Amino acid sequence: MTQEEIKRHRVESVLKEIIPEALATLDDTRINSLLVTDVVCSKGRSDAKVYLDKSFLTPKEQSEALRQLRTVAGYIQNHCKQSEGWFKAPRFTFEFDEQLEKVSRMEELFKQISTKKEGENSNES
């Protein structure tokens, strides 16, 4: 791992802690309780994608939350700069994390496969 990658991973882990703090300070109940699942910075650390948990939101609430997050992105950026003493913070883009759904769907498929195999094995006996 290069020195640049180490710095990028360090910034990502710090942002995973600071962004929820910044969201919690907001008055908007639609976004102040969102869970940050991951942060991925670009190579130069000038941009960062923030992945959020969408498990408790309807599609309409998700689009409203993303619209509101775009509005307060500058505030969150300033909060991160001030709390860490950085000269600049990455520009944030917010997305809802699809990985959690994929993982749960895969687990469900594996359960179906195992129950099907168990059923076939019991029929052979």
N, C-alpha and C. Protein backbone atom coordinates (compact mmCIF):
# COMPACT_ATOMS: atom_id res chain seq x y z
N MET A 1 0.85 -1.18 0.00
CA MET A 1 0.00 0.00 0.00
C MET A 1 0.90 1.24 0.00
N THR A 2 0.61 2.15 -0.89
CA THR A 2 1.45 3.35 -1.01
C THR A 2 1.07 4.36 0.08
N GLN A 3 1.91 5.34 0.23
CA GLN A 3 1.67 6.40 1.22
C GLN A 3 0.38 7.15 0.90
N GLU A 4 0.13 7.38 -0.38
CA GLU A 4 -1.08 8.10 -0.79
C GLU A 4 -2.35 7.31 -0.45
N GLU A 5 -2.29 5.99 -0.65
CA GLU A 5 -3.45 5.16 -0.31
C GLU A 5 -3.70 5.15 1.19
N ILE A 6 -2.65 5.14 1.96
CA ILE A 6 -2.78 5.17 3.42
C ILE A 6 -3.45 6.48 3.85
N LYS A 7 -3.02 7.60 3.27
CA LYS A 7 -3.63 8.89 3.61
C LYS A 7 -5.11 8.90 3.23
N ARG A 8 -5.43 8.35 2.05
CA ARG A 8 -6.82 8.33 1.60
C ARG A 8 -7.68 7.48 2.53
N HIS A 9 -7.19 6.32 2.93
CA HIS A 9 -7.95 5.47 3.86
C HIS A 9 -8.13 6.15 5.22
N ARG A 10 -7.12 6.89 5.65
CA ARG A 10 -7.22 7.60 6.92
C ARG A 10 -8.30 8.67 6.85
N VAL A 11 -8.31 9.42 5.74
CA VAL A 11 -9.33 10.46 5.55
C VAL A 11 -10.72 9.83 5.50
N GLU A 12 -10.85 8.71 4.80
CA GLU A 12 -12.14 8.04 4.71
C GLU A 12 -12.65 7.61 6.08
N SER A 13 -11.77 7.06 6.90
CA SER A 13 -12.21 6.61 8.22
C SER A 13 -12.58 7.79 9.13
N VAL A 14 -11.85 8.89 9.00
CA VAL A 14 -12.19 10.09 9.78
C VAL A 14 -13.55 10.64 9.34
N LEU A 15 -13.77 10.66 8.03
CA LEU A 15 -15.05 11.18 7.52
C LEU A 15 -16.22 10.30 7.95
N LYS A 16 -16.01 8.99 8.05
CA LYS A 16 -17.08 8.09 8.51
C LYS A 16 -17.53 8.43 9.92
N GLU A 17 -16.65 9.01 10.71
CA GLU A 17 -16.99 9.41 12.07
C GLU A 17 -17.58 10.82 12.12
N ILE A 18 -17.02 11.74 11.32
CA ILE A 18 -17.40 13.15 11.41
C ILE A 18 -18.73 13.44 10.72
N ILE A 19 -19.00 12.83 9.58
CA ILE A 19 -20.22 13.13 8.82
C ILE A 19 -21.47 12.83 9.64
N PRO A 20 -21.56 11.68 10.34
CA PRO A 20 -22.75 11.48 11.19
C PRO A 20 -22.90 12.54 12.28
N GLU A 21 -21.77 13.00 12.83
CA GLU A 21 -21.82 14.08 13.82
C GLU A 21 -22.42 15.34 13.20
N ALA A 22 -21.97 15.67 11.98
CA ALA A 22 -22.48 16.86 11.29
C ALA A 22 -23.96 16.70 10.99
N LEU A 23 -24.38 15.52 10.55
CA LEU A 23 -25.79 15.28 10.26
C LEU A 23 -26.64 15.41 11.52
N ALA A 24 -26.11 14.96 12.65
CA ALA A 24 -26.86 15.01 13.90
C ALA A 24 -27.11 16.43 14.38
N THR A 25 -26.27 17.38 13.95
CA THR A 25 -26.46 18.77 14.38
C THR A 25 -27.55 19.48 13.61
N LEU A 26 -28.02 18.88 12.51
CA LEU A 26 -29.04 19.52 11.68
C LEU A 26 -30.43 19.36 12.31
N ASP A 27 -31.30 20.32 12.00
CA ASP A 27 -32.66 20.29 12.54
C ASP A 27 -33.61 19.40 11.73
N ASP A 28 -33.21 19.02 10.54
CA ASP A 28 -34.08 18.24 9.65
C ASP A 28 -34.09 16.77 10.09
N THR A 29 -35.24 16.30 10.55
CA THR A 29 -35.34 14.92 11.03
C THR A 29 -35.22 13.90 9.91
N ARG A 30 -35.42 14.32 8.66
CA ARG A 30 -35.29 13.39 7.54
C ARG A 30 -33.85 12.94 7.33
N ILE A 31 -32.90 13.79 7.68
CA ILE A 31 -31.51 13.44 7.40
C ILE A 31 -30.61 13.36 8.63
N ASN A 32 -31.03 13.88 9.76
CA ASN A 32 -30.09 13.89 10.89
C ASN A 32 -29.91 12.53 11.55
N SER A 33 -30.73 11.55 11.19
CA SER A 33 -30.56 10.22 11.77
C SER A 33 -30.09 9.18 10.75
N LEU A 34 -29.67 9.64 9.57
CA LEU A 34 -29.19 8.71 8.55
C LEU A 34 -27.87 8.07 8.99
N LEU A 35 -27.71 6.79 8.66
CA LEU A 35 -26.49 6.07 9.00
C LEU A 35 -25.53 6.08 7.82
N VAL A 36 -24.29 6.44 8.08
CA VAL A 36 -23.26 6.42 7.05
C VAL A 36 -22.65 5.02 7.04
N THR A 37 -22.77 4.31 5.91
CA THR A 37 -22.22 2.95 5.83
C THR A 37 -20.79 2.95 5.31
N ASP A 38 -20.46 3.91 4.44
CA ASP A 38 -19.11 3.94 3.88
C ASP A 38 -18.83 5.32 3.29
N VAL A 39 -17.55 5.65 3.19
CA VAL A 39 -17.09 6.86 2.52
C VAL A 39 -15.94 6.44 1.62
N VAL A 40 -16.01 6.84 0.35
CA VAL A 40 -14.95 6.51 -0.60
C VAL A 40 -14.45 7.81 -1.22
N CYS A 41 -13.18 8.10 -1.00
CA CYS A 41 -12.57 9.32 -1.53
C CYS A 41 -11.94 9.04 -2.89
N SER A 42 -11.90 10.09 -3.71
CA SER A 42 -11.20 9.99 -4.99
C SER A 42 -9.70 9.96 -4.72
N LYS A 43 -8.92 9.69 -5.77
CA LYS A 43 -7.46 9.58 -5.59
C LYS A 43 -6.84 10.82 -4.96
N GLY A 44 -7.25 11.98 -5.41
CA GLY A 44 -6.67 13.21 -4.88
C GLY A 44 -7.35 13.71 -3.62
N ARG A 45 -8.32 12.97 -3.13
CA ARG A 45 -9.11 13.30 -1.93
C ARG A 45 -9.86 14.62 -2.07
N SER A 46 -10.18 15.02 -3.31
CA SER A 46 -10.94 16.25 -3.50
C SER A 46 -12.44 15.97 -3.55
N ASP A 47 -12.81 14.74 -3.84
CA ASP A 47 -14.22 14.34 -3.87
C ASP A 47 -14.40 13.10 -3.01
N ALA A 48 -15.59 12.96 -2.45
CA ALA A 48 -15.89 11.78 -1.65
C ALA A 48 -17.34 11.38 -1.84
N LYS A 49 -17.56 10.09 -2.05
CA LYS A 49 -18.91 9.55 -2.11
C LYS A 49 -19.26 9.04 -0.72
N VAL A 50 -20.39 9.49 -0.24
CA VAL A 50 -20.87 9.07 1.08
C VAL A 50 -22.04 8.13 0.86
N TYR A 51 -21.90 6.90 1.35
CA TYR A 51 -22.95 5.90 1.19
C TYR A 51 -23.77 5.82 2.47
N LEU A 52 -25.08 5.85 2.31
CA LEU A 52 -26.00 5.90 3.44
C LEU A 52 -26.90 4.68 3.46
N ASP A 53 -27.33 4.30 4.65
CA ASP A 53 -28.25 3.18 4.82
C ASP A 53 -29.66 3.65 4.50
N LYS A 54 -30.35 2.90 3.64
CA LYS A 54 -31.69 3.32 3.23
C LYS A 54 -32.77 2.38 3.75
N SER A 55 -32.44 1.51 4.67
CA SER A 55 -33.35 0.44 5.05
C SER A 55 -34.66 0.93 5.67
N PHE A 56 -34.71 2.10 6.24
CA PHE A 56 -35.93 2.57 6.89
C PHE A 56 -36.66 3.66 6.10
N LEU A 57 -36.28 3.85 4.84
CA LEU A 57 -36.85 4.92 4.05
C LEU A 57 -37.61 4.39 2.83
N THR A 58 -38.70 5.05 2.52
CA THR A 58 -39.42 4.75 1.29
C THR A 58 -38.68 5.43 0.13
N PRO A 59 -38.95 5.02 -1.11
CA PRO A 59 -38.28 5.69 -2.24
C PRO A 59 -38.51 7.20 -2.28
N LYS A 60 -39.71 7.64 -1.90
CA LYS A 60 -39.98 9.08 -1.89
C LYS A 60 -39.13 9.77 -0.82
N GLU A 61 -39.03 9.16 0.36
CA GLU A 61 -38.21 9.74 1.43
C GLU A 61 -36.73 9.75 1.04
N GLN A 62 -36.31 8.74 0.29
CA GLN A 62 -34.92 8.70 -0.16
C GLN A 62 -34.61 9.87 -1.08
N SER A 63 -35.50 10.14 -2.03
CA SER A 63 -35.23 11.25 -2.96
C SER A 63 -35.27 12.59 -2.23
N GLU A 64 -36.18 12.74 -1.26
CA GLU A 64 -36.22 13.98 -0.47
C GLU A 64 -34.94 14.13 0.35
N ALA A 65 -34.48 13.04 0.93
CA ALA A 65 -33.26 13.09 1.74
C ALA A 65 -32.05 13.46 0.89
N LEU A 66 -31.95 12.88 -0.30
CA LEU A 66 -30.82 13.22 -1.18
C LEU A 66 -30.86 14.68 -1.60
N ARG A 67 -32.06 15.18 -1.88
CA ARG A 67 -32.20 16.59 -2.26
C ARG A 67 -31.76 17.49 -1.09
N GLN A 68 -32.19 17.15 0.11
CA GLN A 68 -31.82 17.94 1.28
C GLN A 68 -30.31 17.83 1.56
N LEU A 69 -29.74 16.66 1.37
CA LEU A 69 -28.30 16.48 1.59
C LEU A 69 -27.48 17.31 0.61
N ARG A 70 -27.94 17.42 -0.64
CA ARG A 70 -27.23 18.28 -1.60
C ARG A 70 -27.26 19.73 -1.13
N THR A 71 -28.36 20.12 -0.48
CA THR A 71 -28.49 21.49 0.02
C THR A 71 -27.51 21.77 1.16
N VAL A 72 -27.32 20.80 2.05
CA VAL A 72 -26.49 21.02 3.23
C VAL A 72 -25.06 20.49 3.07
N ALA A 73 -24.69 20.06 1.87
CA ALA A 73 -23.35 19.50 1.64
C ALA A 73 -22.25 20.50 2.02
N GLY A 74 -22.45 21.77 1.72
CA GLY A 74 -21.46 22.78 2.08
C GLY A 74 -21.29 22.92 3.57
N TYR A 75 -22.40 22.84 4.31
CA TYR A 75 -22.33 22.91 5.77
C TYR A 75 -21.55 21.72 6.32
N ILE A 76 -21.82 20.54 5.78
CA ILE A 76 -21.12 19.33 6.25
C ILE A 76 -19.64 19.42 5.93
N GLN A 77 -19.33 19.96 4.76
CA GLN A 77 -17.93 20.14 4.36
C GLN A 77 -17.23 21.10 5.34
N ASN A 78 -17.87 22.21 5.68
CA ASN A 78 -17.28 23.16 6.63
C ASN A 78 -17.14 22.53 8.01
N HIS A 79 -18.12 21.74 8.43
CA HIS A 79 -18.06 21.07 9.73
C HIS A 79 -16.83 20.16 9.79
N CYS A 80 -16.59 19.41 8.71
CA CYS A 80 -15.44 18.51 8.66
C CYS A 80 -14.13 19.28 8.70
N LYS A 81 -14.06 20.39 7.96
CA LYS A 81 -12.83 21.21 7.96
C LYS A 81 -12.55 21.74 9.35
N GLN A 82 -13.57 22.28 10.00
CA GLN A 82 -13.37 22.89 11.31
C GLN A 82 -13.04 21.86 12.38
N SER A 83 -13.73 20.73 12.37
CA SER A 83 -13.50 19.76 13.44
C SER A 83 -12.14 19.08 13.33
N GLU A 84 -11.60 18.96 12.12
CA GLU A 84 -10.30 18.33 11.95
C GLU A 84 -9.18 19.33 11.73
N GLY A 85 -9.50 20.61 11.55
CA GLY A 85 -8.48 21.62 11.31
C GLY A 85 -7.87 21.52 9.92
N TRP A 86 -8.63 20.99 8.98
CA TRP A 86 -8.14 20.84 7.61
C TRP A 86 -8.24 22.17 6.87
N PHE A 87 -7.38 22.35 5.87
CA PHE A 87 -7.44 23.52 5.00
C PHE A 87 -8.62 23.40 4.05
N LYS A 88 -8.86 22.19 3.57
CA LYS A 88 -10.02 21.95 2.72
C LYS A 88 -10.53 20.54 2.98
N ALA A 89 -11.79 20.35 2.68
CA ALA A 89 -12.43 19.04 2.82
C ALA A 89 -12.94 18.61 1.45
N PRO A 90 -13.13 17.33 1.24
CA PRO A 90 -13.63 16.87 -0.06
C PRO A 90 -15.05 17.37 -0.32
N ARG A 91 -15.40 17.46 -1.59
CA ARG A 91 -16.79 17.74 -1.98
C ARG A 91 -17.54 16.43 -1.86
N PHE A 92 -18.71 16.49 -1.25
CA PHE A 92 -19.46 15.27 -0.98
C PHE A 92 -20.56 15.04 -2.00
N THR A 93 -20.70 13.80 -2.40
CA THR A 93 -21.89 13.35 -3.12
C THR A 93 -22.48 12.22 -2.30
N PHE A 94 -23.78 12.22 -2.17
CA PHE A 94 -24.46 11.26 -1.31
C PHE A 94 -25.23 10.26 -2.15
N GLU A 95 -25.13 9.00 -1.76
CA GLU A 95 -25.85 7.92 -2.43
C GLU A 95 -26.33 6.94 -1.36
N PHE A 96 -27.40 6.23 -1.69
CA PHE A 96 -27.85 5.19 -0.78
C PHE A 96 -27.14 3.89 -1.14
N ASP A 97 -26.73 3.16 -0.12
CA ASP A 97 -25.94 1.95 -0.27
C ASP A 97 -26.81 0.79 -0.73
N GLU A 98 -26.48 0.25 -1.88
CA GLU A 98 -27.21 -0.90 -2.43
C GLU A 98 -26.59 -2.22 -1.97
N GLN A 99 -25.39 -2.18 -1.42
CA GLN A 99 -24.70 -3.40 -1.03
C GLN A 99 -25.47 -4.19 0.02
N LEU A 100 -26.09 -3.51 0.97
CA LEU A 100 -26.79 -4.21 2.04
C LEU A 100 -27.92 -5.07 1.49
N GLU A 101 -28.63 -4.54 0.50
CA GLU A 101 -29.70 -5.31 -0.12
C GLU A 101 -29.14 -6.51 -0.89
N LYS A 102 -28.04 -6.30 -1.59
CA LYS A 102 -27.44 -7.39 -2.36
C LYS A 102 -26.97 -8.51 -1.43
N VAL A 103 -26.35 -8.13 -0.32
CA VAL A 103 -25.86 -9.13 0.63
C VAL A 103 -27.02 -9.91 1.23
N SER A 104 -28.08 -9.23 1.63
CA SER A 104 -29.22 -9.93 2.22
C SER A 104 -29.90 -10.83 1.19
N ARG A 105 -29.96 -10.39 -0.06
CA ARG A 105 -30.54 -11.22 -1.12
C ARG A 105 -29.69 -12.46 -1.36
N MET A 106 -28.36 -12.31 -1.36
CA MET A 106 -27.48 -13.46 -1.54
C MET A 106 -27.63 -14.44 -0.38
N GLU A 107 -27.72 -13.93 0.84
CA GLU A 107 -27.90 -14.81 2.00
C GLU A 107 -29.21 -15.59 1.89
N GLU A 108 -30.25 -14.92 1.42
CA GLU A 108 -31.54 -15.59 1.24
C GLU A 108 -31.42 -16.70 0.19
N LEU A 109 -30.72 -16.44 -0.90
CA LEU A 109 -30.53 -17.46 -1.93
C LEU A 109 -29.73 -18.65 -1.40
N PHE A 110 -28.70 -18.38 -0.61
CA PHE A 110 -27.92 -19.48 -0.02
C PHE A 110 -28.78 -20.32 0.92
N LYS A 111 -29.65 -19.69 1.68
CA LYS A 111 -30.57 -20.43 2.57
C LYS A 111 -31.48 -21.33 1.74
N GLN A 112 -32.00 -20.78 0.64
CA GLN A 112 -32.89 -21.58 -0.22
C GLN A 112 -32.14 -22.77 -0.79
N ILE A 113 -30.91 -22.57 -1.21
CA ILE A 113 -30.11 -23.66 -1.77
C ILE A 113 -29.86 -24.73 -0.72
N SER A 114 -29.50 -24.31 0.49
CA SER A 114 -29.19 -25.30 1.54
C SER A 114 -30.44 -26.08 1.94
N THR A 115 -31.60 -25.41 2.03
CA THR A 115 -32.82 -26.15 2.39
C THR A 115 -33.21 -27.09 1.26
N LYS A 116 -32.98 -26.71 0.01
CA LYS A 116 -33.29 -27.57 -1.12
C LYS A 116 -32.39 -28.81 -1.12
N LYS A 117 -31.09 -28.61 -0.83
CA LYS A 117 -30.16 -29.74 -0.76
C LYS A 117 -30.50 -30.67 0.39
N GLU A 118 -30.89 -30.10 1.53
CA GLU A 118 -31.27 -30.92 2.68
C GLU A 118 -32.50 -31.76 2.34
N GLY A 119 -33.44 -31.16 1.61
CA GLY A 119 -34.64 -31.88 1.19
C GLY A 119 -34.30 -33.01 0.24
N GLU A 120 -33.37 -32.79 -0.68
CA GLU A 120 -32.97 -33.83 -1.63
C GLU A 120 -32.23 -34.96 -0.91
N ASN A 121 -31.38 -34.60 0.06
CA ASN A 121 -30.64 -35.61 0.81
C ASN A 121 -31.57 -36.47 1.65
N SER A 122 -32.61 -35.88 2.24
CA SER A 122 -33.54 -36.66 3.07
C SER A 122 -34.40 -37.56 2.20
N ASN A 123 -34.68 -37.17 0.96
CA ASN A 123 -35.46 -38.01 0.05
C ASN A 123 -34.67 -39.23 -0.41
N GLU A 124 -33.35 -39.08 -0.52
CA GLU A 124 -32.50 -40.19 -0.96
C GLU A 124 -32.38 -41.24 0.13
N SER A 125 -32.47 -40.85 1.39
CA SER A 125 -32.28 -41.79 2.50
C SER A 125 -33.40 -42.76 2.68
